[in-house]
ModelCIF file with pLDDT and N, C-alpha, C, O atoms, coordinates in Angstrom:
data_MODEL
#
_entry.id   MODEL 
#
_entity.id                         1 
_entity.type                       polymer 
_entity.pdbx_number_of_molecules   1 
#
_entity_poly.entity_id                      1 
_entity_poly.type                           'polypeptide(L)' 
_entity_poly.nstd_linkage                   no 
_entity_poly.nstd_monomer                   no 
_entity_poly.pdbx_seq_one_letter_code       RPHPPAEAMHTFTGFSTGHYDGDNLVVETTHM 
_entity_poly.pdbx_seq_one_letter_code_can   RPHPPAEAMHTFTGFSTGHYDGDNLVVETTHM 
_entity_poly.pdbx_strand_id                 A 
#
loop_
_entity_poly_seq.entity_id 
_entity_poly_seq.num 
_entity_poly_seq.mon_id 
_entity_poly_seq.hetero 
1 1  ARG n 
1 2  PRO n 
1 3  HIS n 
1 4  PRO n 
1 5  PRO n 
1 6  ALA n 
1 7  GLU n 
1 8  ALA n 
1 9  MET n 
1 10 HIS n 
1 11 THR n 
1 12 PHE n 
1 13 THR n 
1 14 GLY n 
1 15 PHE n 
1 16 SER n 
1 17 THR n 
1 18 GLY n 
1 19 HIS n 
1 20 TYR n 
1 21 ASP n 
1 22 GLY n 
1 23 ASP n 
1 24 ASN n 
1 25 LEU n 
1 26 VAL n 
1 27 VAL n 
1 28 GLU n 
1 29 THR n 
1 30 THR n 
1 31 HIS n 
1 32 MET n 
#
_struct_asym.id          A 
_struct_asym.entity_id   1 
#
loop_
_ma_qa_metric.id 
_ma_qa_metric.mode 
_ma_qa_metric.name 
_ma_qa_metric.software_group_id 
_ma_qa_metric.type 
1 global pLDDT . pLDDT 
2 local  pLDDT . pLDDT 
#
_ma_qa_metric_global.metric_id      1 
_ma_qa_metric_global.metric_value   90.16 
_ma_qa_metric_global.model_id       1 
_ma_qa_metric_global.ordinal_id     1 
#
loop_
_ma_qa_metric_local.label_asym_id 
_ma_qa_metric_local.label_comp_id 
_ma_qa_metric_local.label_seq_id 
_ma_qa_metric_local.metric_id 
_ma_qa_metric_local.metric_value 
_ma_qa_metric_local.model_id 
_ma_qa_metric_local.ordinal_id 
A ARG 1  2 93.00 1 1  
A PRO 2  2 94.00 1 2  
A HIS 3  2 93.00 1 3  
A PRO 4  2 93.00 1 4  
A PRO 5  2 93.00 1 5  
A ALA 6  2 87.00 1 6  
A GLU 7  2 90.00 1 7  
A ALA 8  2 91.00 1 8  
A MET 9  2 87.00 1 9  
A HIS 10 2 85.00 1 10 
A THR 11 2 81.00 1 11 
A PHE 12 2 76.00 1 12 
A THR 13 2 80.00 1 13 
A GLY 14 2 84.00 1 14 
A PHE 15 2 91.00 1 15 
A SER 16 2 92.00 1 16 
A THR 17 2 95.00 1 17 
A GLY 18 2 96.00 1 18 
A HIS 19 2 95.00 1 19 
A TYR 20 2 95.00 1 20 
A ASP 21 2 96.00 1 21 
A GLY 22 2 95.00 1 22 
A ASP 23 2 94.00 1 23 
A ASN 24 2 94.00 1 24 
A LEU 25 2 91.00 1 25 
A VAL 26 2 94.00 1 26 
A VAL 27 2 91.00 1 27 
A GLU 28 2 91.00 1 28 
A THR 29 2 88.00 1 29 
A THR 30 2 89.00 1 30 
A HIS 31 2 88.00 1 31 
A MET 32 2 83.00 1 32 
#
loop_
_atom_site.group_PDB 
_atom_site.id 
_atom_site.type_symbol 
_atom_site.label_atom_id 
_atom_site.label_alt_id 
_atom_site.label_comp_id 
_atom_site.label_asym_id 
_atom_site.label_entity_id 
_atom_site.label_seq_id 
_atom_site.pdbx_PDB_ins_code 
_atom_site.Cartn_x 
_atom_site.Cartn_y 
_atom_site.Cartn_z 
_atom_site.occupancy 
_atom_site.B_iso_or_equiv 
_atom_site.pdbx_formal_charge 
_atom_site.auth_seq_id 
_atom_site.auth_comp_id 
_atom_site.auth_asym_id 
_atom_site.auth_atom_id 
_atom_site.pdbx_PDB_model_num 
ATOM 1   N N  . ARG A 1 1  ? 0.770  -1.298  -0.064 1.00 93.00 ? 1  ARG A N  1 
ATOM 2   C CA . ARG A 1 1  ? -0.324 0.354   -0.023 1.00 93.00 ? 1  ARG A CA 1 
ATOM 3   C C  . ARG A 1 1  ? 1.047  1.083   -0.100 1.00 93.00 ? 1  ARG A C  1 
ATOM 4   O O  . ARG A 1 1  ? 2.204  0.675   -0.004 1.00 93.00 ? 1  ARG A O  1 
ATOM 5   N N  . PRO A 1 2  ? 0.292  2.778   -0.387 1.00 94.00 ? 2  PRO A N  1 
ATOM 6   C CA . PRO A 1 2  ? 1.065  2.974   -0.728 1.00 94.00 ? 2  PRO A CA 1 
ATOM 7   C C  . PRO A 1 2  ? 1.117  4.399   0.796  1.00 94.00 ? 2  PRO A C  1 
ATOM 8   O O  . PRO A 1 2  ? -0.008 4.590   1.258  1.00 94.00 ? 2  PRO A O  1 
ATOM 9   N N  . HIS A 1 3  ? 2.128  5.166   1.395  1.00 93.00 ? 3  HIS A N  1 
ATOM 10  C CA . HIS A 1 3  ? 1.761  5.933   2.097  1.00 93.00 ? 3  HIS A CA 1 
ATOM 11  C C  . HIS A 1 3  ? 1.020  6.838   2.004  1.00 93.00 ? 3  HIS A C  1 
ATOM 12  O O  . HIS A 1 3  ? 0.546  7.088   0.896  1.00 93.00 ? 3  HIS A O  1 
ATOM 13  N N  . PRO A 1 4  ? 0.739  7.483   2.928  1.00 93.00 ? 4  PRO A N  1 
ATOM 14  C CA . PRO A 1 4  ? -0.897 8.393   3.005  1.00 93.00 ? 4  PRO A CA 1 
ATOM 15  C C  . PRO A 1 4  ? 0.460  10.039  2.256  1.00 93.00 ? 4  PRO A C  1 
ATOM 16  O O  . PRO A 1 4  ? 1.652  10.288  2.077  1.00 93.00 ? 4  PRO A O  1 
ATOM 17  N N  . PRO A 1 5  ? -0.884 10.622  2.111  1.00 93.00 ? 5  PRO A N  1 
ATOM 18  C CA . PRO A 1 5  ? -0.085 12.160  1.348  1.00 93.00 ? 5  PRO A CA 1 
ATOM 19  C C  . PRO A 1 5  ? 0.641  12.946  2.547  1.00 93.00 ? 5  PRO A C  1 
ATOM 20  O O  . PRO A 1 5  ? 0.202  12.874  3.695  1.00 93.00 ? 5  PRO A O  1 
ATOM 21  N N  . ALA A 1 6  ? 1.708  13.655  2.236  1.00 87.00 ? 6  ALA A N  1 
ATOM 22  C CA . ALA A 1 6  ? 2.289  15.144  2.958  1.00 87.00 ? 6  ALA A CA 1 
ATOM 23  C C  . ALA A 1 6  ? 1.417  15.397  4.712  1.00 87.00 ? 6  ALA A C  1 
ATOM 24  O O  . ALA A 1 6  ? 1.773  15.446  5.889  1.00 87.00 ? 6  ALA A O  1 
ATOM 25  N N  . GLU A 1 7  ? 0.213  15.491  3.973  1.00 90.00 ? 7  GLU A N  1 
ATOM 26  C CA . GLU A 1 7  ? -0.247 16.514  4.959  1.00 90.00 ? 7  GLU A CA 1 
ATOM 27  C C  . GLU A 1 7  ? -1.428 15.610  5.984  1.00 90.00 ? 7  GLU A C  1 
ATOM 28  O O  . GLU A 1 7  ? -2.409 15.997  6.619  1.00 90.00 ? 7  GLU A O  1 
ATOM 29  N N  . ALA A 1 8  ? -0.935 14.534  5.833  1.00 91.00 ? 8  ALA A N  1 
ATOM 30  C CA . ALA A 1 8  ? -2.000 13.289  7.068  1.00 91.00 ? 8  ALA A CA 1 
ATOM 31  C C  . ALA A 1 8  ? -1.696 13.573  8.088  1.00 91.00 ? 8  ALA A C  1 
ATOM 32  O O  . ALA A 1 8  ? -0.661 14.142  8.434  1.00 91.00 ? 8  ALA A O  1 
ATOM 33  N N  . MET A 1 9  ? -2.834 13.100  8.914  1.00 87.00 ? 9  MET A N  1 
ATOM 34  C CA . MET A 1 9  ? -2.070 13.156  10.324 1.00 87.00 ? 9  MET A CA 1 
ATOM 35  C C  . MET A 1 9  ? -0.715 12.309  10.755 1.00 87.00 ? 9  MET A C  1 
ATOM 36  O O  . MET A 1 9  ? -0.576 11.101  10.562 1.00 87.00 ? 9  MET A O  1 
ATOM 37  N N  . HIS A 1 10 ? 0.015  12.967  11.224 1.00 85.00 ? 10 HIS A N  1 
ATOM 38  C CA . HIS A 1 10 ? 1.306  12.443  12.025 1.00 85.00 ? 10 HIS A CA 1 
ATOM 39  C C  . HIS A 1 10 ? 1.231  11.430  13.496 1.00 85.00 ? 10 HIS A C  1 
ATOM 40  O O  . HIS A 1 10 ? 0.879  11.876  14.589 1.00 85.00 ? 10 HIS A O  1 
ATOM 41  N N  . THR A 1 11 ? 1.473  10.587  13.348 1.00 81.00 ? 11 THR A N  1 
ATOM 42  C CA . THR A 1 11 ? 1.405  10.259  15.150 1.00 81.00 ? 11 THR A CA 1 
ATOM 43  C C  . THR A 1 11 ? 2.820  9.454   15.228 1.00 81.00 ? 11 THR A C  1 
ATOM 44  O O  . THR A 1 11 ? 3.578  9.257   14.278 1.00 81.00 ? 11 THR A O  1 
ATOM 45  N N  . PHE A 1 12 ? 3.022  8.991   16.718 1.00 76.00 ? 12 PHE A N  1 
ATOM 46  C CA . PHE A 1 12 ? 4.123  9.041   17.192 1.00 76.00 ? 12 PHE A CA 1 
ATOM 47  C C  . PHE A 1 12 ? 5.016  7.976   16.729 1.00 76.00 ? 12 PHE A C  1 
ATOM 48  O O  . PHE A 1 12 ? 6.242  8.082   16.734 1.00 76.00 ? 12 PHE A O  1 
ATOM 49  N N  . THR A 1 13 ? 4.132  6.573   16.182 1.00 80.00 ? 13 THR A N  1 
ATOM 50  C CA . THR A 1 13 ? 4.710  5.578   15.667 1.00 80.00 ? 13 THR A CA 1 
ATOM 51  C C  . THR A 1 13 ? 4.977  5.392   14.161 1.00 80.00 ? 13 THR A C  1 
ATOM 52  O O  . THR A 1 13 ? 5.936  4.753   13.729 1.00 80.00 ? 13 THR A O  1 
ATOM 53  N N  . GLY A 1 14 ? 4.008  6.030   13.365 1.00 84.00 ? 14 GLY A N  1 
ATOM 54  C CA . GLY A 1 14 ? 4.128  6.603   12.061 1.00 84.00 ? 14 GLY A CA 1 
ATOM 55  C C  . GLY A 1 14 ? 3.284  5.732   11.412 1.00 84.00 ? 14 GLY A C  1 
ATOM 56  O O  . GLY A 1 14 ? 2.281  5.109   11.761 1.00 84.00 ? 14 GLY A O  1 
ATOM 57  N N  . PHE A 1 15 ? 4.080  5.854   10.111 1.00 91.00 ? 15 PHE A N  1 
ATOM 58  C CA . PHE A 1 15 ? 2.729  4.689   9.034  1.00 91.00 ? 15 PHE A CA 1 
ATOM 59  C C  . PHE A 1 15 ? 3.910  4.040   8.433  1.00 91.00 ? 15 PHE A C  1 
ATOM 60  O O  . PHE A 1 15 ? 4.737  4.775   7.895  1.00 91.00 ? 15 PHE A O  1 
ATOM 61  N N  . SER A 1 16 ? 4.143  2.512   8.451  1.00 92.00 ? 16 SER A N  1 
ATOM 62  C CA . SER A 1 16 ? 5.258  1.825   8.022  1.00 92.00 ? 16 SER A CA 1 
ATOM 63  C C  . SER A 1 16 ? 4.795  1.024   7.488  1.00 92.00 ? 16 SER A C  1 
ATOM 64  O O  . SER A 1 16 ? 3.794  0.425   7.881  1.00 92.00 ? 16 SER A O  1 
ATOM 65  N N  . THR A 1 17 ? 5.807  0.655   5.759  1.00 95.00 ? 17 THR A N  1 
ATOM 66  C CA . THR A 1 17 ? 5.525  -0.452  5.391  1.00 95.00 ? 17 THR A CA 1 
ATOM 67  C C  . THR A 1 17 ? 6.969  -1.044  4.885  1.00 95.00 ? 17 THR A C  1 
ATOM 68  O O  . THR A 1 17 ? 7.966  -0.362  4.651  1.00 95.00 ? 17 THR A O  1 
ATOM 69  N N  . GLY A 1 18 ? 6.847  -2.541  4.764  1.00 96.00 ? 18 GLY A N  1 
ATOM 70  C CA . GLY A 1 18 ? 8.131  -3.171  4.386  1.00 96.00 ? 18 GLY A CA 1 
ATOM 71  C C  . GLY A 1 18 ? 8.095  -4.532  3.682  1.00 96.00 ? 18 GLY A C  1 
ATOM 72  O O  . GLY A 1 18 ? 7.084  -5.231  3.626  1.00 96.00 ? 18 GLY A O  1 
ATOM 73  N N  . HIS A 1 19 ? 9.194  -4.827  3.187  1.00 95.00 ? 19 HIS A N  1 
ATOM 74  C CA . HIS A 1 19 ? 9.333  -5.753  2.468  1.00 95.00 ? 19 HIS A CA 1 
ATOM 75  C C  . HIS A 1 19 ? 10.448 -6.587  2.639  1.00 95.00 ? 19 HIS A C  1 
ATOM 76  O O  . HIS A 1 19 ? 11.311 -6.224  3.439  1.00 95.00 ? 19 HIS A O  1 
ATOM 77  N N  . TYR A 1 20 ? 10.596 -7.742  1.968  1.00 95.00 ? 20 TYR A N  1 
ATOM 78  C CA . TYR A 1 20 ? 12.247 -8.500  2.689  1.00 95.00 ? 20 TYR A CA 1 
ATOM 79  C C  . TYR A 1 20 ? 13.067 -8.509  1.323  1.00 95.00 ? 20 TYR A C  1 
ATOM 80  O O  . TYR A 1 20 ? 12.562 -8.890  0.267  1.00 95.00 ? 20 TYR A O  1 
ATOM 81  N N  . ASP A 1 21 ? 14.345 -8.067  1.439  1.00 96.00 ? 21 ASP A N  1 
ATOM 82  C CA . ASP A 1 21 ? 15.469 -8.353  1.112  1.00 96.00 ? 21 ASP A CA 1 
ATOM 83  C C  . ASP A 1 21 ? 15.956 -9.964  1.328  1.00 96.00 ? 21 ASP A C  1 
ATOM 84  O O  . ASP A 1 21 ? 16.038 -10.077 2.551  1.00 96.00 ? 21 ASP A O  1 
ATOM 85  N N  . GLY A 1 22 ? 16.185 -10.788 0.935  1.00 95.00 ? 22 GLY A N  1 
ATOM 86  C CA . GLY A 1 22 ? 16.740 -11.960 1.117  1.00 95.00 ? 22 GLY A CA 1 
ATOM 87  C C  . GLY A 1 22 ? 15.977 -12.358 2.494  1.00 95.00 ? 22 GLY A C  1 
ATOM 88  O O  . GLY A 1 22 ? 14.787 -12.669 2.439  1.00 95.00 ? 22 GLY A O  1 
ATOM 89  N N  . ASP A 1 23 ? 16.716 -12.344 3.804  1.00 94.00 ? 23 ASP A N  1 
ATOM 90  C CA . ASP A 1 23 ? 16.424 -12.805 4.852  1.00 94.00 ? 23 ASP A CA 1 
ATOM 91  C C  . ASP A 1 23 ? 16.110 -11.563 6.221  1.00 94.00 ? 23 ASP A C  1 
ATOM 92  O O  . ASP A 1 23 ? 15.835 -11.831 7.390  1.00 94.00 ? 23 ASP A O  1 
ATOM 93  N N  . ASN A 1 24 ? 16.240 -10.415 5.692  1.00 94.00 ? 24 ASN A N  1 
ATOM 94  C CA . ASN A 1 24 ? 15.819 -9.268  5.442  1.00 94.00 ? 24 ASN A CA 1 
ATOM 95  C C  . ASN A 1 24 ? 14.517 -8.450  5.889  1.00 94.00 ? 24 ASN A C  1 
ATOM 96  O O  . ASN A 1 24 ? 13.941 -8.105  4.858  1.00 94.00 ? 24 ASN A O  1 
ATOM 97  N N  . LEU A 1 25 ? 14.047 -8.146  6.662  1.00 91.00 ? 25 LEU A N  1 
ATOM 98  C CA . LEU A 1 25 ? 12.524 -7.498  6.293  1.00 91.00 ? 25 LEU A CA 1 
ATOM 99  C C  . LEU A 1 25 ? 13.293 -5.990  6.716  1.00 91.00 ? 25 LEU A C  1 
ATOM 100 O O  . LEU A 1 25 ? 14.066 -5.822  7.660  1.00 91.00 ? 25 LEU A O  1 
ATOM 101 N N  . VAL A 1 26 ? 12.798 -4.884  5.641  1.00 94.00 ? 26 VAL A N  1 
ATOM 102 C CA . VAL A 1 26 ? 13.024 -3.493  5.338  1.00 94.00 ? 26 VAL A CA 1 
ATOM 103 C C  . VAL A 1 26 ? 12.013 -2.615  5.962  1.00 94.00 ? 26 VAL A C  1 
ATOM 104 O O  . VAL A 1 26 ? 10.820 -2.866  5.792  1.00 94.00 ? 26 VAL A O  1 
ATOM 105 N N  . VAL A 1 27 ? 12.348 -1.725  6.587  1.00 91.00 ? 27 VAL A N  1 
ATOM 106 C CA . VAL A 1 27 ? 10.910 -1.161  6.768  1.00 91.00 ? 27 VAL A CA 1 
ATOM 107 C C  . VAL A 1 27 ? 11.201 0.255   6.594  1.00 91.00 ? 27 VAL A C  1 
ATOM 108 O O  . VAL A 1 27 ? 12.350 0.675   6.727  1.00 91.00 ? 27 VAL A O  1 
ATOM 109 N N  . GLU A 1 28 ? 9.823  1.321   6.187  1.00 91.00 ? 28 GLU A N  1 
ATOM 110 C CA . GLU A 1 28 ? 9.736  2.597   5.897  1.00 91.00 ? 28 GLU A CA 1 
ATOM 111 C C  . GLU A 1 28 ? 9.160  3.232   6.569  1.00 91.00 ? 28 GLU A C  1 
ATOM 112 O O  . GLU A 1 28 ? 7.945  3.140   6.390  1.00 91.00 ? 28 GLU A O  1 
ATOM 113 N N  . THR A 1 29 ? 9.505  3.978   7.422  1.00 88.00 ? 29 THR A N  1 
ATOM 114 C CA . THR A 1 29 ? 8.807  4.693   7.904  1.00 88.00 ? 29 THR A CA 1 
ATOM 115 C C  . THR A 1 29 ? 8.531  6.152   8.053  1.00 88.00 ? 29 THR A C  1 
ATOM 116 O O  . THR A 1 29 ? 9.449  6.812   8.540  1.00 88.00 ? 29 THR A O  1 
ATOM 117 N N  . THR A 1 30 ? 6.959  7.046   7.581  1.00 89.00 ? 30 THR A N  1 
ATOM 118 C CA . THR A 1 30 ? 6.701  8.074   7.714  1.00 89.00 ? 30 THR A CA 1 
ATOM 119 C C  . THR A 1 30 ? 5.834  8.762   8.678  1.00 89.00 ? 30 THR A C  1 
ATOM 120 O O  . THR A 1 30 ? 5.501  8.097   9.659  1.00 89.00 ? 30 THR A O  1 
ATOM 121 N N  . HIS A 1 31 ? 5.501  9.698   8.607  1.00 88.00 ? 31 HIS A N  1 
ATOM 122 C CA . HIS A 1 31 ? 4.410  10.380  9.454  1.00 88.00 ? 31 HIS A CA 1 
ATOM 123 C C  . HIS A 1 31 ? 4.457  9.934   11.187 1.00 88.00 ? 31 HIS A C  1 
ATOM 124 O O  . HIS A 1 31 ? 3.747  9.312   11.977 1.00 88.00 ? 31 HIS A O  1 
ATOM 125 N N  . MET A 1 32 ? 5.826  10.714  11.197 1.00 83.00 ? 32 MET A N  1 
ATOM 126 C CA . MET A 1 32 ? 6.335  10.071  12.803 1.00 83.00 ? 32 MET A CA 1 
ATOM 127 C C  . MET A 1 32 ? 6.093  11.301  13.212 1.00 83.00 ? 32 MET A C  1 
ATOM 128 O O  . MET A 1 32 ? 6.261  11.604  14.393 1.00 83.00 ? 32 MET A O  1 
#
C-alpha cells in the first residue's frame, strides 16, 4: 500500500511499510 500524503495525520509510531530483501525485513516509516 502507498504511504499517505504529506498533510495526513502524524502519529508517534508513524506509518510503516515493509518488504523482505532476502532474509531481512526492510521497513520505511513516515508520518512520525
